[in-house]
Amino acid sequence: MEYNIQALFEQAQNDPTLKNTLCVEDLLEQIGAENRPHFAEKTLNEVTEEVVETIVDLGVYSPEFIEKNCRSLLEYQHIDAIHKFQNGRLLRWFRISPLETDETKAKIKSGALCTGVKFHNNGAYIQCVSANGKHFFQLKYDDYLFYQKLSPEEQMILALNQYVSNK
């Protein structure tokens, strides 16, 4: 039995049961996109590019080091302002003060949950608790690059924005 691929393709294109009925606006409303204005126009690609740029801009690491560390941050966003930290979210961080230039020692820390932000005379501190809940500590905001795990809703918003931008 021989098939005409072009005819099958055209038939599938004209089949109304195969038409996309996805309503992006309804999905965004259902997942509460209006409550996340910092994602209003961003896409998954843009968030990923921001993460990569933060490490590339340090200017001291090899492409292999950058790729390895950025892969571990695929579901994270770079936090570039204190008001973007959300309590209960998983954080990862990379020390930049002092900057470790030895790639065998430099690494993105495995993470902890954000419990708040505290302001002291010498700067802002991000309060954290280890994932197992046994250790509480704080990190000086100016000494680290911070990355916060995206929630499933935020990932959906970014994916939908990506879908709309590719149309």
Protein backbone atom coordinates (compact mmCIF):
# COMPACT_ATOMS: atom_id res chain seq x y z
CA MET A 1 0.00 0.00 0.00
CA GLU A 2 1.47 3.32 -1.08
CA TYR A 3 0.71 6.64 0.65
CA ASN A 4 0.80 10.09 -0.79
CA ILE A 5 2.47 12.00 2.04
CA GLN A 6 1.62 15.42 0.62
CA ALA A 7 -2.09 14.53 0.36
CA LEU A 8 -2.14 13.18 3.93
CA PHE A 9 -0.45 16.34 5.18
CA GLU A 10 -2.94 18.61 3.39
CA GLN A 11 -5.84 16.51 4.66
CA ALA A 12 -4.58 16.88 8.24
CA GLN A 13 -4.18 20.64 7.80
CA ASN A 14 -7.79 20.97 6.67
CA ASP A 15 -9.30 18.66 9.31
CA PRO A 16 -11.26 20.90 11.75
CA THR A 17 -10.96 18.32 14.55
CA LEU A 18 -7.20 18.84 14.54
CA LYS A 19 -7.32 22.63 14.80
CA ASN A 20 -5.73 24.23 17.83
CA THR A 21 -8.39 25.45 20.25
CA LEU A 22 -5.93 26.65 22.89
CA CYS A 23 -6.98 30.00 24.36
CA VAL A 24 -3.87 31.48 25.88
CA GLU A 25 -5.74 34.32 27.59
CA ASP A 26 -8.05 31.90 29.42
CA LEU A 27 -5.09 29.80 30.59
CA LEU A 28 -3.23 32.86 31.84
CA GLU A 29 -6.31 33.99 33.75
CA GLN A 30 -6.83 30.55 35.30
CA ILE A 31 -3.29 30.38 36.66
CA GLY A 32 -3.34 33.92 38.01
CA ALA A 33 -0.92 35.59 35.62
CA GLU A 34 -2.19 39.03 36.64
CA ASN A 35 -0.69 38.43 40.11
CA ARG A 36 2.77 37.98 38.61
CA PRO A 37 3.44 41.24 36.75
CA HIS A 38 7.21 40.63 36.55
CA PHE A 39 6.41 37.81 34.09
CA ALA A 40 3.95 39.80 32.00
CA GLU A 41 6.06 39.85 28.85
CA LYS A 42 8.89 37.42 29.60
CA THR A 43 9.38 34.06 27.94
CA LEU A 44 11.19 30.90 29.05
CA ASN A 45 14.02 31.72 26.67
CA GLU A 46 14.45 35.21 28.12
CA VAL A 47 14.55 33.95 31.70
CA THR A 48 17.11 31.31 30.72
CA GLU A 49 19.20 33.90 28.88
CA GLU A 50 19.20 36.14 31.98
CA VAL A 51 20.51 33.27 34.10
CA VAL A 52 23.29 32.52 31.61
CA GLU A 53 24.23 36.21 31.30
CA THR A 54 24.69 36.58 35.06
CA ILE A 55 27.49 34.01 35.04
CA VAL A 56 28.96 34.96 31.64
CA ASP A 57 29.16 38.61 32.76
CA LEU A 58 31.53 37.63 35.57
CA GLY A 59 34.04 37.06 32.76
CA VAL A 60 36.27 34.48 34.44
CA TYR A 61 34.77 31.08 33.65
CA SER A 62 35.11 28.67 30.74
CA PRO A 63 32.15 27.88 28.47
CA GLU A 64 32.07 24.33 29.89
CA PHE A 65 31.78 25.65 33.46
CA ILE A 66 29.04 28.08 32.43
CA GLU A 67 27.06 25.39 30.59
CA LYS A 68 27.31 22.91 33.46
CA ASN A 69 26.16 25.41 36.07
CA CYS A 70 23.44 26.95 33.93
CA ARG A 71 21.95 23.50 33.24
CA SER A 72 21.42 23.12 36.98
CA LEU A 73 19.44 26.38 36.93
CA LEU A 74 16.98 25.55 34.14
CA GLU A 75 13.89 25.97 36.32
CA TYR A 76 15.20 29.04 38.13
CA GLN A 77 15.11 32.77 37.57
CA HIS A 78 17.79 35.27 38.49
CA ILE A 79 16.65 37.50 41.35
CA ASP A 80 17.94 40.99 40.64
CA ALA A 81 15.88 42.91 43.21
CA ILE A 82 15.11 42.30 46.86
CA HIS A 83 11.35 42.64 46.44
CA LYS A 84 11.31 39.58 44.13
CA PHE A 85 12.26 37.11 46.88
CA GLN A 86 9.31 34.97 47.91
CA ASN A 87 9.13 33.20 51.24
CA GLY A 88 9.06 29.42 51.02
CA ARG A 89 10.73 29.32 47.61
CA LEU A 90 13.84 27.30 46.90
CA LEU A 91 16.91 29.46 46.35
CA ARG A 92 20.31 28.69 44.90
CA TRP A 93 23.21 31.11 44.97
CA PHE A 94 26.64 31.79 43.58
CA ARG A 95 29.19 33.74 45.62
CA ILE A 96 30.57 36.82 43.84
CA SER A 97 32.26 38.63 46.73
CA PRO A 98 34.97 37.55 46.87
CA LEU A 99 34.73 35.93 43.46
CA GLU A 100 36.22 32.44 43.31
CA THR A 101 38.12 32.22 40.01
CA ASP A 102 39.20 28.60 40.45
CA GLU A 103 36.53 26.59 38.62
CA THR A 104 37.20 23.53 40.78
CA LYS A 105 36.12 25.50 43.86
CA ALA A 106 33.45 27.78 42.40
CA LYS A 107 29.96 26.34 42.28
CA ILE A 108 26.31 27.12 42.60
CA LYS A 109 25.15 26.08 46.05
CA SER A 110 22.54 23.35 46.24
CA GLY A 111 19.95 25.53 47.89
CA ALA A 112 17.71 26.43 50.78
CA LEU A 113 14.26 27.87 51.35
CA CYS A 114 13.87 31.63 51.59
CA THR A 115 12.33 32.66 54.91
CA GLY A 116 12.58 36.42 54.56
CA VAL A 117 14.68 39.50 54.01
CA LYS A 118 16.26 41.42 56.86
CA PHE A 119 17.83 44.86 56.65
CA HIS A 120 20.92 45.70 58.73
CA ASN A 121 23.19 48.74 58.85
CA ASN A 122 25.62 47.09 56.44
CA GLY A 123 23.07 45.83 53.90
CA ALA A 124 20.22 43.44 53.20
CA TYR A 125 20.39 39.79 54.19
CA ILE A 126 18.37 36.92 52.77
CA GLN A 127 17.26 34.60 55.54
CA CYS A 128 17.25 30.91 54.69
CA VAL A 129 16.58 27.49 56.15
CA SER A 130 18.21 24.35 54.79
CA ALA A 131 15.98 21.98 52.84
CA ASN A 132 15.92 19.56 55.77
CA GLY A 133 14.93 22.37 58.16
CA LYS A 134 17.88 21.89 60.50
CA HIS A 135 20.01 24.93 59.71
CA PHE A 136 19.02 28.59 59.65
CA PHE A 137 21.39 31.13 58.12
CA GLN A 138 21.51 34.40 56.23
CA LEU A 139 23.36 35.53 53.15
CA LYS A 140 24.33 39.11 52.39
CA TYR A 141 22.43 40.12 49.26
CA ASP A 142 25.35 42.04 47.73
CA ASP A 143 27.77 39.10 48.01
CA TYR A 144 25.83 36.58 45.91
CA LEU A 145 23.94 36.03 42.70
CA PHE A 146 20.58 34.54 43.71
CA TYR A 147 18.32 32.25 41.71
CA GLN A 148 14.78 31.36 42.75
CA LYS A 149 12.94 28.26 41.59
CA LEU A 150 10.02 29.01 39.32
CA SER A 151 6.65 27.75 40.48
CA PRO A 152 4.66 25.53 38.09
CA GLU A 153 2.32 28.48 37.46
CA GLU A 154 5.23 30.76 36.59
CA GLN A 155 6.68 28.12 34.28
CA MET A 156 3.27 27.88 32.57
CA ILE A 157 3.06 31.67 32.17
CA LEU A 158 6.53 31.79 30.63
CA ALA A 159 5.77 28.84 28.34
CA LEU A 160 2.51 30.46 27.19
CA ASN A 161 4.31 33.75 26.57
CA GLN A 162 6.86 31.79 24.55
CA TYR A 163 4.04 30.15 22.57
CA VAL A 164 2.43 33.51 21.83
CA SER A 165 5.75 35.09 20.81
CA ASN A 166 6.42 32.22 18.37
CA LYS A 167 3.07 32.62 16.60
